[in-house]
N, C-alpha and C. Protein backbone atom coordinates (compact mmCIF):
# COMPACT_ATOMS: atom_id res chain seq x y z
N MET A 1 89.49 12.94 9.99
CA MET A 1 90.90 13.41 9.66
C MET A 1 91.29 12.22 10.68
N THR A 2 92.47 11.64 10.42
CA THR A 2 93.36 10.91 11.60
C THR A 2 94.40 11.87 12.22
N ALA A 3 94.94 11.30 13.19
CA ALA A 3 96.00 11.76 14.25
C ALA A 3 97.29 12.32 13.12
N SER A 4 97.21 11.58 12.22
CA SER A 4 98.39 12.44 11.25
C SER A 4 97.59 13.09 9.71
N GLY A 5 96.85 13.43 9.81
CA GLY A 5 96.26 15.23 9.39
C GLY A 5 95.55 14.25 7.69
N HIS A 6 95.52 12.81 7.49
CA HIS A 6 94.72 12.68 6.25
C HIS A 6 93.30 12.28 6.47
N PRO A 7 92.99 12.87 5.63
CA PRO A 7 91.20 12.53 5.57
C PRO A 7 90.58 11.12 5.85
N VAL A 8 89.63 10.82 6.68
CA VAL A 8 89.50 9.54 6.99
C VAL A 8 88.24 9.41 5.72
N PRO A 9 87.65 8.33 5.28
CA PRO A 9 86.67 8.41 3.89
C PRO A 9 84.87 7.79 5.06
N VAL A 10 84.25 8.83 4.75
CA VAL A 10 82.67 8.82 5.43
C VAL A 10 81.92 8.64 4.52
N LEU A 11 81.07 7.72 4.67
CA LEU A 11 79.46 7.90 3.65
C LEU A 11 78.27 8.98 4.39
N LEU A 12 78.07 9.64 3.55
CA LEU A 12 76.64 10.71 4.08
C LEU A 12 75.60 10.19 3.43
N VAL A 13 74.80 9.19 4.28
CA VAL A 13 72.93 9.16 3.45
C VAL A 13 72.25 9.75 4.19
N GLY A 14 71.45 10.42 3.11
CA GLY A 14 70.44 11.31 3.65
C GLY A 14 69.16 10.45 2.48
N PHE A 15 67.65 11.50 2.97
CA PHE A 15 66.81 11.37 2.56
C PHE A 15 65.79 12.39 1.79
N GLY A 16 65.99 11.94 0.62
CA GLY A 16 65.10 13.04 -0.41
C GLY A 16 65.82 14.49 -0.43
N GLY A 17 67.31 14.37 -0.93
CA GLY A 17 67.70 15.49 -1.88
C GLY A 17 67.27 17.00 -0.72
N VAL A 18 66.63 17.60 -1.44
CA VAL A 18 66.41 18.78 -0.66
C VAL A 18 65.66 18.56 0.42
N LEU A 19 64.77 17.73 0.70
CA LEU A 19 64.00 17.33 2.01
C LEU A 19 65.35 17.25 3.23
N ALA A 20 66.37 15.98 2.66
CA ALA A 20 67.24 15.50 3.52
C ALA A 20 67.95 17.23 4.06
N GLU A 21 68.48 17.98 3.06
CA GLU A 21 68.81 19.26 3.69
C GLU A 21 68.23 20.43 4.60
N ALA A 22 66.89 20.60 4.05
CA ALA A 22 65.41 21.04 4.62
C ALA A 22 65.46 20.92 6.33
N ILE A 23 65.19 19.63 6.65
CA ILE A 23 65.14 19.24 7.84
C ILE A 23 66.26 18.19 8.45
N HIS A 24 67.58 18.06 7.64
CA HIS A 24 68.99 17.80 8.03
C HIS A 24 69.10 16.18 8.70
N ASP A 25 68.17 15.19 7.63
CA ASP A 25 67.67 14.15 7.80
C ASP A 25 69.15 12.83 7.14
N VAL A 26 70.02 13.36 7.84
CA VAL A 26 71.35 12.55 7.09
C VAL A 26 71.97 11.86 8.22
N ARG A 27 72.65 10.73 7.90
CA ARG A 27 73.34 10.45 9.00
C ARG A 27 74.63 10.18 8.20
N ILE A 28 76.20 10.12 8.98
CA ILE A 28 77.47 10.11 8.74
C ILE A 28 77.82 8.74 9.33
N LEU A 29 78.07 8.03 8.38
CA LEU A 29 78.52 6.55 8.58
C LEU A 29 79.97 6.58 8.45
N PRO A 30 80.43 5.52 8.88
CA PRO A 30 82.09 5.03 8.78
C PRO A 30 81.78 3.94 7.52
N PRO A 31 83.12 3.83 6.69
CA PRO A 31 82.86 2.93 5.99
C PRO A 31 83.23 1.38 5.66
N ASP A 32 82.85 1.17 7.19
CA ASP A 32 83.15 -0.26 7.35
C ASP A 32 82.20 -0.76 8.44
N LEU A 33 81.09 -0.40 7.82
CA LEU A 33 79.70 -1.09 8.26
C LEU A 33 79.28 -2.35 7.86
N SER A 34 78.68 -3.18 7.96
CA SER A 34 77.78 -4.27 7.69
C SER A 34 76.52 -3.74 6.87
N CYS A 35 76.52 -5.06 6.10
CA CYS A 35 75.21 -4.54 5.62
C CYS A 35 73.90 -4.34 6.75
N CYS A 36 73.87 -5.15 7.32
CA CYS A 36 72.82 -5.17 8.59
C CYS A 36 73.07 -4.09 9.86
N GLN A 37 74.43 -3.25 9.76
CA GLN A 37 74.31 -2.30 10.50
C GLN A 37 73.75 -0.80 9.61
N ILE A 38 74.46 -0.93 8.28
CA ILE A 38 73.90 0.37 7.40
C ILE A 38 72.20 0.40 7.38
N GLU A 39 71.30 -0.96 6.98
CA GLU A 39 70.10 -1.26 7.36
C GLU A 39 69.62 -0.30 8.91
N GLU A 40 70.26 -0.78 9.65
CA GLU A 40 70.13 -0.03 11.21
C GLU A 40 70.11 1.51 11.10
N GLU A 41 70.85 1.87 10.48
CA GLU A 41 71.53 3.31 10.21
C GLU A 41 70.48 3.99 9.30
N LEU A 42 69.92 3.26 8.35
CA LEU A 42 68.87 3.93 7.54
C LEU A 42 67.46 4.14 8.18
N TYR A 43 67.22 3.31 8.84
CA TYR A 43 66.13 2.91 10.23
C TYR A 43 65.73 4.45 11.02
N LYS A 44 67.03 4.73 11.36
CA LYS A 44 67.30 5.92 12.22
C LYS A 44 67.17 7.18 11.50
N LEU A 45 67.07 7.08 10.07
CA LEU A 45 66.68 8.56 9.85
C LEU A 45 65.36 9.21 10.11
N HIS A 46 64.96 10.52 10.24
CA HIS A 46 63.92 10.90 10.74
C HIS A 46 62.83 10.03 9.74
N CYS A 47 63.03 10.49 8.47
CA CYS A 47 62.24 9.56 7.53
C CYS A 47 62.23 8.26 7.34
N GLY A 48 62.89 7.56 8.59
CA GLY A 48 62.87 6.06 8.19
C GLY A 48 61.30 5.25 8.30
N ALA A 49 60.50 5.54 9.04
CA ALA A 49 59.50 5.24 9.17
C ALA A 49 58.64 5.15 7.31
N LEU A 50 59.28 6.07 6.57
CA LEU A 50 58.88 5.65 5.64
C LEU A 50 59.19 4.45 4.53
N LEU A 51 60.65 3.99 4.85
CA LEU A 51 61.30 3.09 4.26
C LEU A 51 60.17 1.75 4.65
N ARG A 52 59.76 1.49 5.98
CA ARG A 52 59.04 0.51 6.41
C ARG A 52 57.76 0.35 6.11
N GLY A 53 57.06 1.05 4.96
CA GLY A 53 55.91 1.36 4.55
C GLY A 53 54.97 2.35 5.11
N PHE A 54 54.14 3.02 4.62
CA PHE A 54 53.25 3.71 5.45
C PHE A 54 52.16 3.85 4.97
N ARG A 55 51.50 4.14 5.53
CA ARG A 55 49.88 4.78 4.93
C ARG A 55 49.42 3.83 3.92
N GLY A 56 49.40 2.48 3.99
CA GLY A 56 49.26 1.73 2.66
C GLY A 56 50.47 1.63 2.11
N SER A 57 51.30 2.14 1.79
CA SER A 57 52.32 1.68 1.01
C SER A 57 53.08 0.83 1.34
N PRO A 58 53.60 0.21 0.58
CA PRO A 58 54.87 -0.96 0.80
C PRO A 58 55.86 -0.67 0.69
N ALA A 59 56.46 -1.65 1.98
CA ALA A 59 57.79 -1.52 2.65
C ALA A 59 58.79 -1.77 1.43
N LEU A 60 59.76 -0.73 1.51
CA LEU A 60 60.47 -0.53 0.66
C LEU A 60 62.29 -1.40 0.70
N ASP A 61 62.91 -1.81 -0.30
CA ASP A 61 63.66 -2.62 0.11
C ASP A 61 64.90 -2.03 0.38
N VAL A 62 64.89 -1.53 2.09
CA VAL A 62 65.94 -1.04 2.48
C VAL A 62 67.60 -2.05 2.36
N GLY A 63 67.43 -2.91 1.98
CA GLY A 63 68.27 -4.14 2.05
C GLY A 63 69.39 -4.02 0.67
N ALA A 64 68.47 -3.63 -0.25
CA ALA A 64 68.75 -3.20 -1.95
C ALA A 64 70.05 -1.98 -1.44
N VAL A 65 69.19 -1.01 -0.80
CA VAL A 65 70.45 0.26 -0.37
C VAL A 65 71.09 0.30 0.56
N ALA A 66 70.78 -1.08 1.16
CA ALA A 66 72.56 -1.29 2.00
C ALA A 66 73.40 -2.05 0.90
N ARG A 67 73.14 -2.90 0.59
CA ARG A 67 74.07 -3.26 -0.72
C ARG A 67 74.63 -2.32 -1.32
N ILE A 68 73.98 -1.39 -2.24
CA ILE A 68 74.89 -0.10 -2.58
C ILE A 68 75.34 0.49 -2.01
N ILE A 69 75.16 0.79 -0.70
CA ILE A 69 76.20 1.78 -0.02
C ILE A 69 76.97 0.79 0.47
N SER A 70 76.92 -0.49 0.80
CA SER A 70 78.50 -1.16 1.17
C SER A 70 79.38 -1.06 0.49
N ALA A 71 78.78 -1.44 -1.39
CA ALA A 71 79.74 -1.21 -2.04
C ALA A 71 80.34 -0.53 -2.77
N LEU A 72 79.58 0.88 -2.27
CA LEU A 72 80.61 1.93 -1.87
C LEU A 72 81.11 2.49 -1.36
N SER A 73 81.24 1.62 -0.07
CA SER A 73 82.24 1.80 1.02
C SER A 73 83.42 1.26 0.43
N TRP A 74 83.15 0.43 -0.03
CA TRP A 74 84.10 -0.58 -0.10
C TRP A 74 85.04 0.10 -1.37
N LEU A 75 84.21 0.32 -2.60
CA LEU A 75 84.96 1.44 -3.57
C LEU A 75 85.79 2.49 -2.75
N ILE A 76 85.03 3.40 -1.98
CA ILE A 76 85.50 4.68 -1.39
C ILE A 76 87.15 3.95 -0.93
N ARG A 77 86.70 3.02 -0.31
CA ARG A 77 88.43 3.06 0.33
C ARG A 77 89.66 1.80 -0.53
N SER A 78 88.99 1.59 -1.79
CA SER A 78 90.04 1.00 -2.53
C SER A 78 90.79 2.39 -3.64
N PRO A 79 92.06 1.58 -3.72
CA PRO A 79 92.62 3.10 -4.93
C PRO A 79 91.80 2.61 -6.08
N PRO A 80 92.16 3.52 -7.19
CA PRO A 80 92.93 4.70 -7.00
C PRO A 80 92.77 5.82 -6.29
N GLY A 81 92.00 6.52 -5.24
CA GLY A 81 91.74 7.40 -4.51
C GLY A 81 90.45 8.37 -5.41
N ILE A 82 89.08 7.41 -4.86
CA ILE A 82 88.17 8.50 -5.48
C ILE A 82 87.57 8.94 -4.17
N GLU A 83 87.66 10.33 -4.70
CA GLU A 83 87.23 11.75 -3.44
C GLU A 83 85.72 11.40 -3.30
N ALA A 84 84.99 11.52 -3.88
CA ALA A 84 83.59 11.54 -3.62
C ALA A 84 82.77 10.90 -4.94
N ILE A 85 81.84 10.14 -4.57
CA ILE A 85 80.64 9.70 -5.26
C ILE A 85 79.21 10.11 -5.31
N ASP A 86 78.41 10.34 -5.91
CA ASP A 86 77.47 10.89 -5.36
C ASP A 86 76.31 10.15 -6.44
N ILE A 87 75.56 9.50 -6.07
CA ILE A 87 74.22 9.32 -6.59
C ILE A 87 73.00 10.00 -6.34
N ASN A 88 72.52 10.06 -7.38
CA ASN A 88 71.55 11.24 -7.02
C ASN A 88 70.40 11.14 -7.88
N PRO A 89 69.21 10.72 -8.22
CA PRO A 89 68.82 10.08 -7.05
C PRO A 89 68.83 8.53 -7.23
N LEU A 90 68.68 8.08 -6.04
CA LEU A 90 68.87 6.61 -5.88
C LEU A 90 67.19 6.36 -5.20
N VAL A 91 66.65 5.52 -6.56
CA VAL A 91 65.18 4.98 -6.00
C VAL A 91 64.81 4.11 -5.28
N VAL A 92 64.38 3.77 -4.35
CA VAL A 92 64.17 2.48 -3.91
C VAL A 92 62.70 2.18 -3.91
N LEU A 93 62.83 1.05 -4.33
CA LEU A 93 61.66 -0.04 -4.59
C LEU A 93 61.10 -1.04 -3.68
N PRO A 94 59.77 -1.50 -3.27
CA PRO A 94 59.84 -2.77 -2.81
C PRO A 94 60.61 -3.60 -3.22
N ALA A 95 60.94 -3.37 -4.41
CA ALA A 95 62.16 -4.50 -4.70
C ALA A 95 62.76 -4.30 -5.46
N GLY A 96 64.24 -4.17 -4.75
CA GLY A 96 65.48 -3.32 -5.56
C GLY A 96 65.28 -1.74 -5.15
N ALA A 97 66.24 -1.23 -6.12
CA ALA A 97 66.54 0.32 -6.11
C ALA A 97 67.64 -0.01 -7.24
N ARG A 98 67.05 1.57 -7.92
CA ARG A 98 67.83 1.94 -8.87
C ARG A 98 68.61 2.94 -9.03
N ARG A 99 69.59 3.31 -9.73
CA ARG A 99 70.32 4.74 -10.02
C ARG A 99 69.72 5.41 -11.33
N THR A 100 69.73 6.56 -11.43
CA THR A 100 69.60 7.49 -12.31
C THR A 100 70.46 8.18 -12.85
N CYS A 101 71.96 8.29 -11.84
CA CYS A 101 72.89 9.25 -12.36
C CYS A 101 73.42 9.27 -11.06
N ALA A 102 74.86 9.01 -11.17
CA ALA A 102 75.76 9.06 -10.25
C ALA A 102 77.03 10.20 -10.75
N ARG A 103 77.50 10.82 -9.88
CA ARG A 103 78.97 11.11 -10.32
C ARG A 103 80.21 10.79 -9.51
N CYS A 104 81.31 10.96 -10.20
CA CYS A 104 82.04 10.03 -9.69
C CYS A 104 83.29 11.08 -9.82
N VAL A 105 84.09 11.62 -8.47
CA VAL A 105 85.35 12.72 -8.52
C VAL A 105 86.63 11.71 -7.95
N ASP A 106 87.32 11.51 -9.08
CA ASP A 106 88.77 10.70 -9.17
C ASP A 106 89.71 11.29 -8.85
N CYS A 107 90.39 11.14 -7.98
CA CYS A 107 91.56 12.06 -7.56
C CYS A 107 93.29 11.24 -7.62
N GLY A 108 93.02 10.51 -8.43
CA GLY A 108 94.28 8.92 -8.56
C GLY A 108 95.32 9.69 -9.94
N ARG A 109 96.44 9.62 -9.50
CA ARG A 109 97.60 10.26 -9.59
C ARG A 109 97.64 12.17 -9.99
N GLY A 110 96.92 12.52 -8.82
CA GLY A 110 97.25 13.91 -8.86
C GLY A 110 96.14 14.63 -9.95
N GLU A 111 95.46 13.84 -10.65
CA GLU A 111 94.61 14.49 -11.09
C GLU A 111 92.92 14.46 -10.65
N VAL A 112 92.52 15.49 -11.29
CA VAL A 112 90.86 15.43 -10.53
C VAL A 112 89.87 15.17 -12.00
N LYS A 113 89.49 14.42 -12.28
CA LYS A 113 88.50 13.52 -12.98
C LYS A 113 87.09 14.16 -13.01
N ARG A 114 86.61 14.10 -13.36
CA ARG A 114 84.44 13.41 -12.85
C ARG A 114 84.00 12.76 -14.06
N HIS A 115 83.43 12.16 -13.54
CA HIS A 115 82.62 10.85 -14.06
C HIS A 115 81.19 11.23 -14.40
N VAL A 116 80.40 11.06 -15.13
CA VAL A 116 78.86 11.03 -15.06
C VAL A 116 78.88 10.27 -15.76
N ILE A 117 77.52 9.15 -14.69
CA ILE A 117 77.04 8.02 -15.32
C ILE A 117 75.86 8.18 -15.72
N LYS A 118 75.01 8.47 -16.77
CA LYS A 118 73.53 8.13 -16.75
C LYS A 118 72.99 7.27 -17.20
N GLY A 119 71.22 7.26 -17.03
CA GLY A 119 70.78 5.51 -17.34
C GLY A 119 70.11 5.16 -15.92
N THR A 120 69.61 4.27 -16.14
CA THR A 120 68.64 3.51 -15.04
C THR A 120 69.58 2.29 -14.79
N VAL A 121 69.96 1.71 -13.77
CA VAL A 121 70.19 0.57 -13.56
C VAL A 121 69.67 0.00 -12.01
N GLN A 122 69.45 -1.19 -12.40
CA GLN A 122 68.49 -1.99 -11.58
C GLN A 122 69.39 -3.03 -10.72
N ILE A 123 69.23 -2.31 -9.11
CA ILE A 123 69.94 -3.31 -8.44
C ILE A 123 69.14 -3.97 -7.35
């Protein structure tokens, strides 16, 4: 909240759904970070070592995730008043990332609209 009582948008990123909740593996980020800063924050997750490649698995495309988060941060700071966006799951690959489901809560014009976007989009 700001001093005037208005909510400030934040980004909550975590590793692995239930796992994120069980081990509190989340980061709360301000929405104005650069892609490089977002990547640094992702590596600070408890499970961040898995992003670099682990026990023979390839490194994952953290840059693609950072670009997605950066785009979402721009979106939540823009009118008409998006209250929440949930991408679950966001699958990170060695080259790129894809979402299979996304939910958006739009509070523009005083109405609450929930949009569910299904299907796979490769980024």
